[in-house]
């Protein structure tokens, strides 16, 4: 199971635990991923995605899944999110 946000591409970062004696050991900072169901207005159905809490706030700020995907870069999106984006674009072009 990959620990990468499906909408923003945010993944684990690496850093150090630093003790009081300034000893350093490697550690990983994992993104705060949540399993969420988002609804597309253009398609009229819901999608289950694994996204970070920061991405969830951004989706709400931009006005929903459709608006978020319209502005999102294709390189950052997962294959599942990219397919949803293309389906939304087809539905909006037909309407």
Protein backbone atom coordinates (compact mmCIF):
# COMPACT_ATOMS: atom_id res chain seq x y z
CA UNK A 1 0.00 0.00 0.00
CA UNK A 2 1.54 3.25 -1.17
CA UNK A 3 1.57 6.19 1.25
CA UNK A 4 1.03 8.83 -1.43
CA UNK A 5 -1.85 11.28 -1.78
CA UNK A 6 -3.83 10.53 -4.95
CA UNK A 7 -4.59 14.21 -5.65
CA UNK A 8 -1.44 16.11 -4.70
CA UNK A 9 1.26 13.45 -4.93
CA UNK A 10 2.41 14.25 -1.40
CA UNK A 11 4.47 11.33 -0.02
CA UNK A 12 6.80 10.43 2.84
CA UNK A 13 9.70 12.74 3.66
CA UNK A 14 12.90 11.82 5.47
CA UNK A 15 14.60 13.58 8.32
CA UNK A 16 16.34 13.00 11.62
CA UNK A 17 15.31 12.33 15.19
CA UNK A 18 17.58 14.60 17.21
CA UNK A 19 18.18 13.64 20.83
CA UNK A 20 19.09 15.97 23.68
CA UNK A 21 22.72 14.91 23.18
CA UNK A 22 22.35 15.87 19.49
CA UNK A 23 22.55 12.26 18.28
CA UNK A 24 20.82 11.91 14.93
CA UNK A 25 18.94 8.87 13.62
CA UNK A 26 17.00 8.64 10.38
CA UNK A 27 13.20 8.76 10.45
CA UNK A 28 10.28 9.16 8.04
CA UNK A 29 7.57 11.81 8.15
CA UNK A 30 4.42 10.21 6.73
CA UNK A 31 1.63 12.31 5.19
CA UNK A 32 -1.71 12.42 7.01
CA UNK A 33 -3.71 10.26 4.59
CA UNK A 34 -7.45 9.68 4.92
CA UNK A 35 -9.84 7.41 3.00
CA UNK A 36 -12.52 9.79 1.73
CA UNK A 37 -15.52 9.58 -0.57
CA UNK A 38 -15.79 12.63 -2.83
CA UNK A 39 -18.74 13.38 -5.11
CA UNK A 40 -18.38 14.69 -8.64
CA UNK A 41 -21.08 17.18 -9.66
CA UNK A 42 -20.54 16.68 -13.40
CA UNK A 43 -20.67 12.87 -13.27
CA UNK A 44 -23.21 12.59 -10.45
CA UNK A 45 -21.38 9.80 -8.66
CA UNK A 46 -18.92 9.34 -5.82
CA UNK A 47 -15.31 8.19 -5.77
CA UNK A 48 -13.26 6.68 -2.93
CA UNK A 49 -9.81 8.26 -2.77
CA UNK A 50 -6.88 8.18 -0.35
CA UNK A 51 -5.90 11.83 0.08
CA UNK A 52 -4.03 13.96 2.60
CA UNK A 53 -5.93 16.20 4.98
CA UNK A 54 -4.29 19.23 3.34
CA UNK A 55 -5.65 18.11 -0.04
CA UNK A 56 -9.11 17.67 1.48
CA UNK A 57 -9.05 21.29 2.70
CA UNK A 58 -7.92 22.42 -0.76
CA UNK A 59 -10.77 20.50 -2.44
CA UNK A 60 -13.26 22.25 -0.13
CA UNK A 61 -11.61 25.63 -0.74
CA UNK A 62 -11.73 25.32 -4.54
CA UNK A 63 -15.39 24.28 -4.52
CA UNK A 64 -15.41 20.52 -4.91
CA UNK A 65 -13.70 17.66 -6.71
CA UNK A 66 -14.51 18.93 -10.22
CA UNK A 67 -12.97 22.37 -9.63
CA UNK A 68 -9.91 20.87 -7.93
CA UNK A 69 -9.20 18.44 -10.77
CA UNK A 70 -9.68 21.17 -13.39
CA UNK A 71 -6.74 23.13 -11.91
CA UNK A 72 -4.59 20.13 -10.91
CA UNK A 73 -1.44 19.22 -12.84
CA UNK A 74 -1.55 15.82 -14.51
CA UNK A 75 1.91 14.84 -13.17
CA UNK A 76 0.73 15.07 -9.55
CA UNK A 77 -2.44 13.00 -10.00
CA UNK A 78 -2.62 9.23 -9.60
CA UNK A 79 -3.86 7.08 -12.48
CA UNK A 80 -7.28 6.80 -10.82
CA UNK A 81 -7.58 10.57 -10.32
CA UNK A 82 -6.39 11.22 -13.89
CA UNK A 83 -9.14 8.97 -15.25
CA UNK A 84 -11.74 10.82 -13.13
CA UNK A 85 -10.40 14.16 -14.47
CA UNK A 86 -10.74 13.00 -18.09
CA UNK A 87 -14.26 11.64 -17.47
CA UNK A 88 -15.30 14.98 -15.94
CA UNK A 89 -13.86 16.89 -18.92
CA UNK A 90 -15.82 14.66 -21.34
CA UNK A 91 -19.05 15.13 -19.36
CA UNK A 92 -18.63 18.92 -19.28
CA UNK A 93 -17.84 19.05 -23.00
CA UNK A 94 -20.97 17.03 -23.81
CA UNK A 95 -23.21 19.19 -21.63
